[in-house]
C-alpha cells in the first residue's frame, strides 16, 4: 500500500480547522471551556494552524475521572483545543485508517457499531457449532508506543504528521512506553489500527472467514474445535511477538451454550442479556427514576437517559425481563 504524504497542508487548512472545531463542540456548545475558546475563535484557530505547521503542538492537558460501567476505567478528557487538533488530524487521515480495516472490524467506524457487530456475530453463531472468544489484557493500558509508531510509519510518509502522532502518543503512559488515554478521538483510531494487522493475519493467513472484532473483543467461529484451539495458540504468539501484548484467558465453547459478547448472550437462534447486563440495567433505570421523582432531573433529561437503556433491551429477547422490571 502506498504511504500517504503531504497531508499537513490539508490538516492546517482554515476550513478544516473550523470543521474540526464544530465537530469537537458538537453536543456541548454551552460548556464554559468551549465558550471561552469561541470568544477568540479566529485567534485560537490561527494559533492551532501555526502549531500544526511548525510541528510543535500543545498536547497532554488531560482531566482525569473514573467511570464504573461496565467496569472501572479511567477516562482522560483532553483540553478543548486538543480535541480540535484531534478532529482536524482525523478529518484528513480518516480515509487512510479506514483503508487498512477489514470489513468485520466494528468499533468507532461509520456505518458499523455495536448492533452491526451483534447482527454479524449472530449470523456466524447460527452457522457454526464452536466459537473462540479472545481479548487483550488491559488493552488500552498495554498498547506499545514504539510498535504503534512503526505501524503508523508504514501507512504515512509525511514526517511532520508522524511527529505530531508521536507527540500525541507520548503525551500519556500507564507504564514506560505504553498506554493510550481512553476518551481521545485519536486513541480510538490508534487502538483500532493497532489490531488491524492481527485482523488481516486471522482472516488471510489463518483463513478464518467467520470473525468479528469490536475494539479488542475478538470472536472466531468454526465447525471444528481443534482448528480453533490451534488458532488460539497462533494468535497468542502473534500478539506477544508482533504487538508486545498478552491475551486474557480464552473462551472456547459451543455456540449452543451461549456466546457472551458486548453485553449480550448470543445463541444460534436467540439473543439474551447477560446477568451482568441485567443488573446494570436495573441499577441505571432505578437511578433515572430516583432523579425524576426527587425533582433533580427534568422529564426531558430523564428521557435522554432512559431511551438508550430501553433501546439496549430491544436487541435481545428480553420480554420476560421487561415484565419483571415493570412489576417491580
C-alpha atoms as a PDB file:
ATOM      1  CA  UNK A   1       0.000   0.000   0.000  1.00  0.00           C
ATOM      2  CA  UNK A   2       1.350   3.414  -0.978  1.00  0.00           C
ATOM      3  CA  UNK A   3       2.113   5.597   2.015  1.00  0.00           C
ATOM      4  CA  UNK A   4       0.181   8.866   2.347  1.00  0.00           C
ATOM      5  CA  UNK A   5       2.189  12.088   2.125  1.00  0.00           C
ATOM      6  CA  UNK A   6       1.780  15.904   2.084  1.00  0.00           C
ATOM      7  CA  UNK A   7      -1.171  15.961   4.490  1.00  0.00           C
ATOM      8  CA  UNK A   8      -0.141  18.805   6.814  1.00  0.00           C
ATOM      9  CA  UNK A   9      -1.408  21.465   4.403  1.00  0.00           C
ATOM     10  CA  UNK A  10      -4.846  19.893   4.343  1.00  0.00           C
ATOM     11  CA  UNK A  11      -4.906  19.396   8.111  1.00  0.00           C
ATOM     12  CA  UNK A  12      -3.954  23.020   8.805  1.00  0.00           C
ATOM     13  CA  UNK A  13      -6.331  24.467   6.211  1.00  0.00           C
ATOM     14  CA  UNK A  14      -8.598  27.069   7.904  1.00  0.00           C
ATOM     15  CA  UNK A  15     -11.775  25.410   6.602  1.00  0.00           C
ATOM     16  CA  UNK A  16     -10.678  22.055   8.044  1.00  0.00           C
ATOM     17  CA  UNK A  17      -9.880  23.678  11.393  1.00  0.00           C
ATOM     18  CA  UNK A  18     -13.330  25.279  11.542  1.00  0.00           C
ATOM     19  CA  UNK A  19     -14.948  21.947  10.741  1.00  0.00           C
ATOM     20  CA  UNK A  20     -12.833  20.303  13.447  1.00  0.00           C
ATOM     21  CA  UNK A  21     -13.931  22.937  15.963  1.00  0.00           C
ATOM     22  CA  UNK A  22     -17.588  22.356  15.065  1.00  0.00           C
ATOM     23  CA  UNK A  23     -17.206  18.591  15.494  1.00  0.00           C
ATOM     24  CA  UNK A  24     -15.342  18.906  18.793  1.00  0.00           C
ATOM     25  CA  UNK A  25     -18.052  21.211  20.196  1.00  0.00           C
ATOM     26  CA  UNK A  26     -20.978  19.101  18.999  1.00  0.00           C
ATOM     27  CA  UNK A  27     -23.391  18.330  21.826  1.00  0.00           C
ATOM     28  CA  UNK A  28     -21.594  20.530  24.377  1.00  0.00           C
ATOM     29  CA  UNK A  29     -21.586  24.028  22.873  1.00  0.00           C
ATOM     30  CA  UNK A  30     -22.592  25.712  26.128  1.00  0.00           C
ATOM     31  CA  UNK A  31     -19.674  24.340  28.161  1.00  0.00           C
ATOM     32  CA  UNK A  32     -17.599  27.108  29.703  1.00  0.00           C
ATOM     33  CA  UNK A  33     -14.313  25.980  28.108  1.00  0.00           C
ATOM     34  CA  UNK A  34     -15.876  25.914  24.635  1.00  0.00           C
ATOM     35  CA  UNK A  35     -17.492  29.315  25.069  1.00  0.00           C
ATOM     36  CA  UNK A  36     -14.118  30.762  26.076  1.00  0.00           C
ATOM     37  CA  UNK A  37     -12.479  29.197  23.028  1.00  0.00           C
ATOM     38  CA  UNK A  38     -15.225  30.583  20.781  1.00  0.00           C
ATOM     39  CA  UNK A  39     -14.781  34.137  22.116  1.00  0.00           C
ATOM     40  CA  UNK A  40     -11.436  34.332  20.284  1.00  0.00           C
ATOM     41  CA  UNK A  41     -12.113  31.680  17.675  1.00  0.00           C
ATOM     42  CA  UNK A  42     -10.088  33.184  14.829  1.00  0.00           C
ATOM     43  CA  UNK A  43      -7.097  33.810  17.073  1.00  0.00           C
ATOM     44  CA  UNK A  44      -7.260  30.302  18.563  1.00  0.00           C
ATOM     45  CA  UNK A  45      -7.568  28.599  15.181  1.00  0.00           C
ATOM     46  CA  UNK A  46      -4.692  30.674  13.805  1.00  0.00           C
ATOM     47  CA  UNK A  47      -2.547  29.582  16.760  1.00  0.00           C
ATOM     48  CA  UNK A  48      -3.500  25.939  16.135  1.00  0.00           C
ATOM     49  CA  UNK A  49      -2.665  26.331  12.440  1.00  0.00           C
ATOM     50  CA  UNK A  50       0.780  27.691  13.329  1.00  0.00           C
ATOM     51  CA  UNK A  51       1.394  24.856  15.786  1.00  0.00           C
ATOM     52  CA  UNK A  52       0.459  22.210  13.222  1.00  0.00           C
ATOM     53  CA  UNK A  53       2.672  23.779  10.544  1.00  0.00           C
ATOM     54  CA  UNK A  54       5.598  24.150  12.945  1.00  0.00           C
ATOM     55  CA  UNK A  55       5.131  20.643  14.333  1.00  0.00           C
ATOM     56  CA  UNK A  56       5.036  21.821  17.948  1.00  0.00           C
ATOM     57  CA  UNK A  57       1.520  21.024  19.147  1.00  0.00           C
ATOM     58  CA  UNK A  58       0.219  21.539  22.674  1.00  0.00           C
ATOM     59  CA  UNK A  59      -0.921  18.101  23.907  1.00  0.00           C
ATOM     60  CA  UNK A  60      -1.182  16.180  27.164  1.00  0.00           C
ATOM     61  CA  UNK A  61      -3.504  18.511  29.066  1.00  0.00           C
ATOM     62  CA  UNK A  62      -5.821  15.850  30.450  1.00  0.00           C
ATOM     63  CA  UNK A  63      -8.574  15.952  33.037  1.00  0.00           C
ATOM     64  CA  UNK A  64      -8.959  12.562  34.698  1.00  0.00           C
ATOM     65  CA  UNK A  65     -12.082  10.935  36.103  1.00  0.00           C
ATOM     66  CA  UNK A  66     -13.371   7.404  36.585  1.00  0.00           C
ATOM     67  CA  UNK A  67     -16.428   5.593  35.288  1.00  0.00           C
ATOM     68  CA  UNK A  68     -17.649   2.313  36.734  1.00  0.00           C
ATOM     69  CA  UNK A  69     -19.863   0.926  33.945  1.00  0.00           C
ATOM     70  CA  UNK A  70     -19.486  -1.655  32.567  1.00  0.00           C
ATOM     71  CA  UNK A  71     -16.224  -1.812  34.575  1.00  0.00           C
ATOM     72  CA  UNK A  72     -13.971   0.646  36.344  1.00  0.00           C
ATOM     73  CA  UNK A  73     -11.956   2.714  33.876  1.00  0.00           C
ATOM     74  CA  UNK A  74     -10.005   5.939  33.995  1.00  0.00           C
ATOM     75  CA  UNK A  75     -11.202   8.436  31.377  1.00  0.00           C
ATOM     76  CA  UNK A  76      -8.902  11.168  30.107  1.00  0.00           C
ATOM     77  CA  UNK A  77     -10.680  14.261  28.815  1.00  0.00           C
ATOM     78  CA  UNK A  78      -8.417  16.414  26.661  1.00  0.00           C
ATOM     79  CA  UNK A  79      -8.489  20.190  26.771  1.00  0.00           C
ATOM     80  CA  UNK A  80     -10.852  21.507  24.105  1.00  0.00           C
ATOM     81  CA  UNK A  81      -8.031  22.911  21.981  1.00  0.00           C
ATOM     82  CA  UNK A  82      -6.545  19.403  21.823  1.00  0.00           C
ATOM     83  CA  UNK A  83      -9.889  17.957  20.806  1.00  0.00           C
ATOM     84  CA  UNK A  84      -9.957  20.393  17.902  1.00  0.00           C
ATOM     85  CA  UNK A  85      -6.462  19.225  16.918  1.00  0.00           C
ATOM     86  CA  UNK A  86      -7.518  15.556  17.026  1.00  0.00           C
ATOM     87  CA  UNK A  87     -10.554  16.222  14.841  1.00  0.00           C
ATOM     88  CA  UNK A  88      -8.501  18.280  12.394  1.00  0.00           C
ATOM     89  CA  UNK A  89      -5.995  15.446  12.005  1.00  0.00           C
ATOM     90  CA  UNK A  90      -8.585  12.685  11.696  1.00  0.00           C
ATOM     91  CA  UNK A  91     -10.777  14.655   9.251  1.00  0.00           C
ATOM     92  CA  UNK A  92      -7.928  14.217   6.787  1.00  0.00           C
ATOM     93  CA  UNK A  93      -6.435  10.906   7.948  1.00  0.00           C
ATOM     94  CA  UNK A  94      -9.708   9.013   8.425  1.00  0.00           C
ATOM     95  CA  UNK A  95      -9.767   7.615   4.881  1.00  0.00           C
ATOM     96  CA  UNK A  96      -6.242   6.247   5.264  1.00  0.00           C
ATOM     97  CA  UNK A  97      -7.023   4.499   8.552  1.00  0.00           C
ATOM     98  CA  UNK A  98     -10.241   3.161   7.058  1.00  0.00           C
ATOM     99  CA  UNK A  99      -8.466   1.520   4.111  1.00  0.00           C
ATOM    100  CA  UNK A 100      -6.500  -0.731   6.446  1.00  0.00           C
ATOM    101  CA  UNK A 101      -9.536  -2.037   8.347  1.00  0.00           C
ATOM    102  CA  UNK A 102     -11.144  -5.355   7.461  1.00  0.00           C
ATOM    103  CA  UNK A 103     -14.894  -5.457   6.907  1.00  0.00           C
ATOM    104  CA  UNK A 104     -15.565  -7.171  10.239  1.00  0.00           C
ATOM    105  CA  UNK A 105     -13.924  -4.572  12.489  1.00  0.00           C
ATOM    106  CA  UNK A 106     -16.854  -2.726  14.081  1.00  0.00           C
ATOM    107  CA  UNK A 107     -15.686  -0.246  16.741  1.00  0.00           C
ATOM    108  CA  UNK A 108     -15.522   3.527  16.129  1.00  0.00           C
ATOM    109  CA  UNK A 109     -16.270   3.303  12.403  1.00  0.00           C
ATOM    110  CA  UNK A 110     -19.072   4.958  10.417  1.00  0.00           C
ATOM    111  CA  UNK A 111     -21.799   2.502   9.477  1.00  0.00           C
ATOM    112  CA  UNK A 112     -20.578  -0.114  11.964  1.00  0.00           C
ATOM    113  CA  UNK A 113     -21.057  -0.091  15.758  1.00  0.00           C
ATOM    114  CA  UNK A 114     -22.340  -2.463  18.442  1.00  0.00           C
ATOM    115  CA  UNK A 115     -25.578  -3.516  16.786  1.00  0.00           C
ATOM    116  CA  UNK A 116     -23.978  -4.221  13.400  1.00  0.00           C
ATOM    117  CA  UNK A 117     -21.357  -6.333  15.209  1.00  0.00           C
ATOM    118  CA  UNK A 118     -24.114  -8.220  17.030  1.00  0.00           C
ATOM    119  CA  UNK A 119     -26.001  -8.977  13.813  1.00  0.00           C
ATOM    120  CA  UNK A 120     -22.858 -10.292  12.178  1.00  0.00           C
ATOM    121  CA  UNK A 121     -21.918 -12.325  15.256  1.00  0.00           C
ATOM    122  CA  UNK A 122     -25.437 -13.756  15.456  1.00  0.00           C
ATOM    123  CA  UNK A 123     -25.188 -14.915  11.853  1.00  0.00           C
ATOM    124  CA  UNK A 124     -21.848 -16.660  12.456  1.00  0.00           C
ATOM    125  CA  UNK A 125     -23.221 -18.185  15.677  1.00  0.00           C
ATOM    126  CA  UNK A 126     -26.157 -19.610  13.772  1.00  0.00           C
ATOM    127  CA  UNK A 127     -23.998 -21.479  11.267  1.00  0.00           C
ATOM    128  CA  UNK A 128     -21.038 -22.640  13.365  1.00  0.00           C
ATOM    129  CA  UNK A 129     -21.067 -25.040  16.344  1.00  0.00           C
ATOM    130  CA  UNK A 130     -17.922 -23.662  18.043  1.00  0.00           C
ATOM    131  CA  UNK A 131     -16.568 -20.220  18.929  1.00  0.00           C
ATOM    132  CA  UNK A 132     -13.317 -18.820  20.325  1.00  0.00           C
ATOM    133  CA  UNK A 133     -13.528 -15.509  22.193  1.00  0.00           C
ATOM    134  CA  UNK A 134     -10.344 -13.521  22.822  1.00  0.00           C
ATOM    135  CA  UNK A 135      -9.394 -10.124  24.147  1.00  0.00           C
ATOM    136  CA  UNK A 136      -6.172  -8.316  25.022  1.00  0.00           C
ATOM    137  CA  UNK A 137      -5.216  -7.982  28.674  1.00  0.00           C
ATOM    138  CA  UNK A 138      -5.659  -4.318  29.774  1.00  0.00           C
ATOM    139  CA  UNK A 139      -5.777  -3.326  26.124  1.00  0.00           C
ATOM    140  CA  UNK A 140      -5.634   0.486  26.194  1.00  0.00           C
ATOM    141  CA  UNK A 141      -3.114   0.452  29.053  1.00  0.00           C
ATOM    142  CA  UNK A 142      -0.834  -2.029  27.283  1.00  0.00           C
ATOM    143  CA  UNK A 143      -0.639  -0.548  23.753  1.00  0.00           C
ATOM    144  CA  UNK A 144       3.082  -0.433  22.962  1.00  0.00           C
ATOM    145  CA  UNK A 145       4.095   3.047  21.770  1.00  0.00           C
ATOM    146  CA  UNK A 146       7.041   2.075  19.596  1.00  0.00           C
ATOM    147  CA  UNK A 147       5.062  -0.695  17.887  1.00  0.00           C
ATOM    148  CA  UNK A 148       2.205   1.714  17.161  1.00  0.00           C
ATOM    149  CA  UNK A 149       4.614   4.315  15.759  1.00  0.00           C
ATOM    150  CA  UNK A 150       6.147   1.723  13.426  1.00  0.00           C
ATOM    151  CA  UNK A 151       2.663   0.749  12.245  1.00  0.00           C
ATOM    152  CA  UNK A 152       1.799   4.400  11.526  1.00  0.00           C
ATOM    153  CA  UNK A 153       5.059   4.914   9.645  1.00  0.00           C
ATOM    154  CA  UNK A 154       4.089   2.051   7.329  1.00  0.00           C
ATOM    155  CA  UNK A 155       0.919   3.932   6.410  1.00  0.00           C
ATOM    156  CA  UNK A 156       2.062   7.583   6.402  1.00  0.00           C
ATOM    157  CA  UNK A 157       5.148   9.041   4.756  1.00  0.00           C
ATOM    158  CA  UNK A 158       4.534  12.605   5.963  1.00  0.00           C
ATOM    159  CA  UNK A 159       7.233  13.041   8.629  1.00  0.00           C
ATOM    160  CA  UNK A 160       5.663  16.188  10.066  1.00  0.00           C
ATOM    161  CA  UNK A 161       2.404  14.292  10.606  1.00  0.00           C
ATOM    162  CA  UNK A 162       4.234  11.313  12.115  1.00  0.00           C
ATOM    163  CA  UNK A 163       5.922  13.704  14.542  1.00  0.00           C
ATOM    164  CA  UNK A 164       2.519  15.044  15.635  1.00  0.00           C
ATOM    165  CA  UNK A 165       1.262  11.473  16.046  1.00  0.00           C
ATOM    166  CA  UNK A 166       4.329  10.781  18.168  1.00  0.00           C
ATOM    167  CA  UNK A 167       3.676  13.778  20.414  1.00  0.00           C
ATOM    168  CA  UNK A 168       0.063  12.702  20.953  1.00  0.00           C
ATOM    169  CA  UNK A 169       1.098   9.115  21.719  1.00  0.00           C
ATOM    170  CA  UNK A 170       3.900  10.148  24.089  1.00  0.00           C
ATOM    171  CA  UNK A 171       1.646  12.569  25.978  1.00  0.00           C
ATOM    172  CA  UNK A 172       0.209   9.697  28.005  1.00  0.00           C
ATOM    173  CA  UNK A 173       1.542   6.479  29.502  1.00  0.00           C
ATOM    174  CA  UNK A 174       0.479   3.928  32.093  1.00  0.00           C
ATOM    175  CA  UNK A 175       3.955   2.385  32.122  1.00  0.00           C
ATOM    176  CA  UNK A 176       7.140   3.418  30.285  1.00  0.00           C
ATOM    177  CA  UNK A 177       6.315   3.445  26.575  1.00  0.00           C
ATOM    178  CA  UNK A 178       2.805   2.027  26.963  1.00  0.00           C
ATOM    179  CA  UNK A 179      -0.821   3.130  27.052  1.00  0.00           C
ATOM    180  CA  UNK A 180      -3.440   5.166  25.232  1.00  0.00           C
ATOM    181  CA  UNK A 181      -5.847   7.515  27.040  1.00  0.00           C
ATOM    182  CA  UNK A 182      -9.448   6.324  26.963  1.00  0.00           C
ATOM    183  CA  UNK A 183     -11.633   9.200  25.764  1.00  0.00           C
ATOM    184  CA  UNK A 184      -9.494  10.698  22.994  1.00  0.00           C
ATOM    185  CA  UNK A 185     -10.658  10.602  19.387  1.00  0.00           C
ATOM    186  CA  UNK A 186      -7.103   9.828  18.325  1.00  0.00           C
ATOM    187  CA  UNK A 187      -6.982   6.893  20.768  1.00  0.00           C
ATOM    188  CA  UNK A 188      -9.956   5.275  19.037  1.00  0.00           C
ATOM    189  CA  UNK A 189      -8.168   5.426  15.694  1.00  0.00           C
ATOM    190  CA  UNK A 190      -4.815   4.329  17.116  1.00  0.00           C
ATOM    191  CA  UNK A 191      -6.312   1.422  19.086  1.00  0.00           C
ATOM    192  CA  UNK A 192      -8.289   0.157  16.092  1.00  0.00           C
ATOM    193  CA  UNK A 193      -5.232   0.455  13.861  1.00  0.00           C
ATOM    194  CA  UNK A 194      -3.028  -1.291  16.427  1.00  0.00           C
ATOM    195  CA  UNK A 195      -5.019  -4.528  15.927  1.00  0.00           C
ATOM    196  CA  UNK A 196      -5.659  -4.149  12.184  1.00  0.00           C
ATOM    197  CA  UNK A 197      -2.616  -6.270  11.311  1.00  0.00           C
ATOM    198  CA  UNK A 198      -3.936  -9.007  13.597  1.00  0.00           C
ATOM    199  CA  UNK A 199      -7.274  -8.869  11.752  1.00  0.00           C
ATOM    200  CA  UNK A 200      -5.518  -9.485   8.442  1.00  0.00           C
ATOM    201  CA  UNK A 201      -3.417 -12.271   9.971  1.00  0.00           C
ATOM    202  CA  UNK A 202      -6.522 -14.075  11.276  1.00  0.00           C
ATOM    203  CA  UNK A 203      -8.506 -13.720   8.067  1.00  0.00           C
ATOM    204  CA  UNK A 204      -5.798 -14.047   5.418  1.00  0.00           C
ATOM    205  CA  UNK A 205      -3.093 -16.257   6.925  1.00  0.00           C
ATOM    206  CA  UNK A 206      -5.108 -18.380   9.338  1.00  0.00           C
ATOM    207  CA  UNK A 207      -8.002 -18.401   6.877  1.00  0.00           C
ATOM    208  CA  UNK A 208     -10.949 -17.588   9.159  1.00  0.00           C
ATOM    209  CA  UNK A 209     -13.942 -16.138   7.315  1.00  0.00           C
ATOM    210  CA  UNK A 210     -16.145 -16.169  10.418  1.00  0.00           C
ATOM    211  CA  UNK A 211     -14.502 -13.461  12.523  1.00  0.00           C
ATOM    212  CA  UNK A 212     -15.695 -10.286  14.256  1.00  0.00           C
ATOM    213  CA  UNK A 213     -13.748  -7.694  16.241  1.00  0.00           C
ATOM    214  CA  UNK A 214     -15.141  -4.860  18.339  1.00  0.00           C
ATOM    215  CA  UNK A 215     -12.076  -2.943  19.579  1.00  0.00           C
ATOM    216  CA  UNK A 216     -10.146  -5.706  21.400  1.00  0.00           C
ATOM    217  CA  UNK A 217     -13.084  -8.124  21.755  1.00  0.00           C
ATOM    218  CA  UNK A 218     -12.439 -10.768  19.094  1.00  0.00           C
ATOM    219  CA  UNK A 219     -14.522 -13.816  18.201  1.00  0.00           C
ATOM    220  CA  UNK A 220     -13.712 -16.600  15.734  1.00  0.00           C
ATOM    221  CA  UNK A 221     -16.179 -19.324  14.723  1.00  0.00           C
ATOM    222  CA  UNK A 222     -15.572 -22.716  13.132  1.00  0.00           C
ATOM    223  CA  UNK A 223     -17.108 -26.124  12.679  1.00  0.00           C
ATOM    224  CA  UNK A 224     -14.073 -27.807  14.231  1.00  0.00           C
ATOM    225  CA  UNK A 225     -12.995 -27.357  17.870  1.00  0.00           C
ATOM    226  CA  UNK A 226      -9.383 -28.401  17.206  1.00  0.00           C
ATOM    227  CA  UNK A 227      -8.982 -25.777  14.464  1.00  0.00           C
ATOM    228  CA  UNK A 228      -9.934 -23.045  16.934  1.00  0.00           C
ATOM    229  CA  UNK A 229      -7.580 -24.475  19.554  1.00  0.00           C
ATOM    230  CA  UNK A 230      -4.653 -24.310  17.119  1.00  0.00           C
ATOM    231  CA  UNK A 231      -5.666 -20.777  16.066  1.00  0.00           C
ATOM    232  CA  UNK A 232      -5.663 -19.647  19.699  1.00  0.00           C
ATOM    233  CA  UNK A 233      -2.006 -20.606  20.057  1.00  0.00           C
ATOM    234  CA  UNK A 234      -1.042 -18.881  16.799  1.00  0.00           C
ATOM    235  CA  UNK A 235      -2.889 -15.682  17.733  1.00  0.00           C
ATOM    236  CA  UNK A 236      -1.317 -15.629  21.203  1.00  0.00           C
ATOM    237  CA  UNK A 237       2.153 -15.846  19.634  1.00  0.00           C
ATOM    238  CA  UNK A 238       1.324 -13.059  17.168  1.00  0.00           C
ATOM    239  CA  UNK A 239       0.029 -10.777  19.929  1.00  0.00           C
ATOM    240  CA  UNK A 240       3.127 -11.341  22.048  1.00  0.00           C
ATOM    241  CA  UNK A 241       5.746 -11.168  19.285  1.00  0.00           C
ATOM    242  CA  UNK A 242       4.253  -8.561  16.948  1.00  0.00           C
ATOM    243  CA  UNK A 243       2.335  -6.343  19.404  1.00  0.00           C
ATOM    244  CA  UNK A 244       4.224  -6.891  22.683  1.00  0.00           C
ATOM    245  CA  UNK A 245       0.919  -7.564  24.464  1.00  0.00           C
ATOM    246  CA  UNK A 246      -0.754 -10.592  26.022  1.00  0.00           C
ATOM    247  CA  UNK A 247      -4.186 -12.157  25.729  1.00  0.00           C
ATOM    248  CA  UNK A 248      -6.573 -12.831  28.588  1.00  0.00           C
ATOM    249  CA  UNK A 249      -7.522 -16.479  29.176  1.00  0.00           C
ATOM    250  CA  UNK A 250      -9.575 -17.544  26.128  1.00  0.00           C
ATOM    251  CA  UNK A 251     -13.143 -18.806  25.999  1.00  0.00           C
ATOM    252  CA  UNK A 252     -13.540 -21.783  23.664  1.00  0.00           C
ATOM    253  CA  UNK A 253     -17.030 -23.247  23.779  1.00  0.00           C
ATOM    254  CA  UNK A 254     -20.059 -24.491  21.875  1.00  0.00           C
ATOM    255  CA  UNK A 255     -22.316 -21.814  20.403  1.00  0.00           C
ATOM    256  CA  UNK A 256     -25.308 -23.734  21.808  1.00  0.00           C
ATOM    257  CA  UNK A 257     -24.101 -22.788  25.303  1.00  0.00           C
ATOM    258  CA  UNK A 258     -24.132 -19.077  24.509  1.00  0.00           C
ATOM    259  CA  UNK A 259     -21.514 -16.549  23.423  1.00  0.00           C
ATOM    260  CA  UNK A 260     -21.111 -13.554  25.785  1.00  0.00           C
ATOM    261  CA  UNK A 261     -20.460 -10.564  23.514  1.00  0.00           C
ATOM    262  CA  UNK A 262     -20.927  -6.821  24.061  1.00  0.00           C
ATOM    263  CA  UNK A 263     -23.326  -7.252  26.970  1.00  0.00           C
ATOM    264  CA  UNK A 264     -25.476  -9.884  25.265  1.00  0.00           C
ATOM    265  CA  UNK A 265     -25.536 -13.679  25.294  1.00  0.00           C
ATOM    266  CA  UNK A 266     -25.793 -14.965  21.729  1.00  0.00           C
ATOM    267  CA  UNK A 267     -27.312 -18.343  20.921  1.00  0.00           C
ATOM    268  CA  UNK A 268     -27.839 -19.780  17.427  1.00  0.00           C
ATOM    269  CA  UNK A 269     -31.470 -18.626  17.300  1.00  0.00           C
ATOM    270  CA  UNK A 270     -31.910 -16.102  20.103  1.00  0.00           C
ATOM    271  CA  UNK A 271     -30.170 -13.290  21.937  1.00  0.00           C
ATOM    272  CA  UNK A 272     -30.412 -12.767  25.671  1.00  0.00           C
ATOM    273  CA  UNK A 273     -28.990 -10.271  28.112  1.00  0.00           C
ATOM    274  CA  UNK A 274     -26.113 -11.398  30.292  1.00  0.00           C
ATOM    275  CA  UNK A 275     -26.794 -11.390  34.044  1.00  0.00           C
ATOM    276  CA  UNK A 276     -24.312  -8.558  34.413  1.00  0.00           C
ATOM    277  CA  UNK A 277     -26.197  -6.512  31.805  1.00  0.00           C
ATOM    278  CA  UNK A 278     -29.498  -7.171  33.576  1.00  0.00           C
ATOM    279  CA  UNK A 279     -28.087  -5.964  36.889  1.00  0.00           C
ATOM    280  CA  UNK A 280     -26.550  -2.920  35.218  1.00  0.00           C
ATOM    281  CA  UNK A 281     -29.849  -2.074  33.505  1.00  0.00           C
ATOM    282  CA  UNK A 282     -31.822  -2.318  36.766  1.00  0.00           C
ATOM    283  CA  UNK A 283     -29.300  -0.145  38.587  1.00  0.00           C
ATOM    284  CA  UNK A 284     -29.300   2.525  35.883  1.00  0.00           C
ATOM    285  CA  UNK A 285     -33.067   2.661  35.319  1.00  0.00           C
ATOM    286  CA  UNK A 286     -33.688   2.905  39.062  1.00  0.00           C
ATOM    287  CA  UNK A 287     -31.225   5.776  39.256  1.00  0.00           C
ATOM    288  CA  UNK A 288     -33.109   7.617  36.494  1.00  0.00           C
ATOM    289  CA  UNK A 289     -36.395   7.067  38.372  1.00  0.00           C
ATOM    290  CA  UNK A 290     -34.868   8.399  41.595  1.00  0.00           C
ATOM    291  CA  UNK A 291     -33.671  11.545  39.839  1.00  0.00           C
ATOM    292  CA  UNK A 292     -37.120  12.085  38.329  1.00  0.00           C
ATOM    293  CA  UNK A 293     -39.176  11.574  41.496  1.00  0.00           C
ATOM    294  CA  UNK A 294     -36.780  13.663  43.585  1.00  0.00           C
ATOM    295  CA  UNK A 295     -37.092  16.522  41.098  1.00  0.00           C
ATOM    296  CA  UNK A 296     -33.325  16.573  40.481  1.00  0.00           C
ATOM    297  CA  UNK A 297     -33.802  15.916  36.742  1.00  0.00           C
ATOM    298  CA  UNK A 298     -36.396  17.250  34.354  1.00  0.00           C
ATOM    299  CA  UNK A 299     -38.620  14.871  32.403  1.00  0.00           C
ATOM    300  CA  UNK A 300     -36.671  15.637  29.223  1.00  0.00           C
ATOM    301  CA  UNK A 301     -33.357  14.790  30.868  1.00  0.00           C
ATOM    302  CA  UNK A 302     -34.757  11.551  32.245  1.00  0.00           C
ATOM    303  CA  UNK A 303     -35.944  10.603  28.770  1.00  0.00           C
ATOM    304  CA  UNK A 304     -32.479  11.252  27.334  1.00  0.00           C
ATOM    305  CA  UNK A 305     -31.008   8.806  29.851  1.00  0.00           C
ATOM    306  CA  UNK A 306     -33.787   6.213  29.701  1.00  0.00           C
ATOM    307  CA  UNK A 307     -34.147   5.872  25.926  1.00  0.00           C
ATOM    308  CA  UNK A 308     -30.665   4.361  25.305  1.00  0.00           C
ATOM    309  CA  UNK A 309     -31.304   1.892  28.133  1.00  0.00           C
ATOM    310  CA  UNK A 310     -34.615   0.812  26.623  1.00  0.00           C
ATOM    311  CA  UNK A 311     -33.034   0.611  23.167  1.00  0.00           C
ATOM    312  CA  UNK A 312     -30.450  -1.776  24.618  1.00  0.00           C
ATOM    313  CA  UNK A 313     -33.272  -4.180  25.510  1.00  0.00           C
ATOM    314  CA  UNK A 314     -34.742  -4.098  22.010  1.00  0.00           C
ATOM    315  CA  UNK A 315     -31.800  -6.037  20.603  1.00  0.00           C
ATOM    316  CA  UNK A 316     -32.398  -9.012  22.881  1.00  0.00           C
ATOM    317  CA  UNK A 317     -35.209 -11.481  23.525  1.00  0.00           C
ATOM    318  CA  UNK A 318     -35.968  -9.780  26.830  1.00  0.00           C
ATOM    319  CA  UNK A 319     -39.770  -9.638  27.133  1.00  0.00           C
ATOM    320  CA  UNK A 320     -39.793 -11.683  30.332  1.00  0.00           C
ATOM    321  CA  UNK A 321     -37.113  -9.445  31.844  1.00  0.00           C
ATOM    322  CA  UNK A 322     -39.060  -6.306  30.851  1.00  0.00           C
ATOM    323  CA  UNK A 323     -42.224  -7.643  32.502  1.00  0.00           C
ATOM    324  CA  UNK A 324     -40.276  -8.404  35.647  1.00  0.00           C
ATOM    325  CA  UNK A 325     -38.906  -4.852  35.750  1.00  0.00           C
ATOM    326  CA  UNK A 326     -42.371  -3.338  35.227  1.00  0.00           C
ATOM    327  CA  UNK A 327     -43.866  -5.475  38.010  1.00  0.00           C
ATOM    328  CA  UNK A 328     -41.108  -4.439  40.379  1.00  0.00           C
END
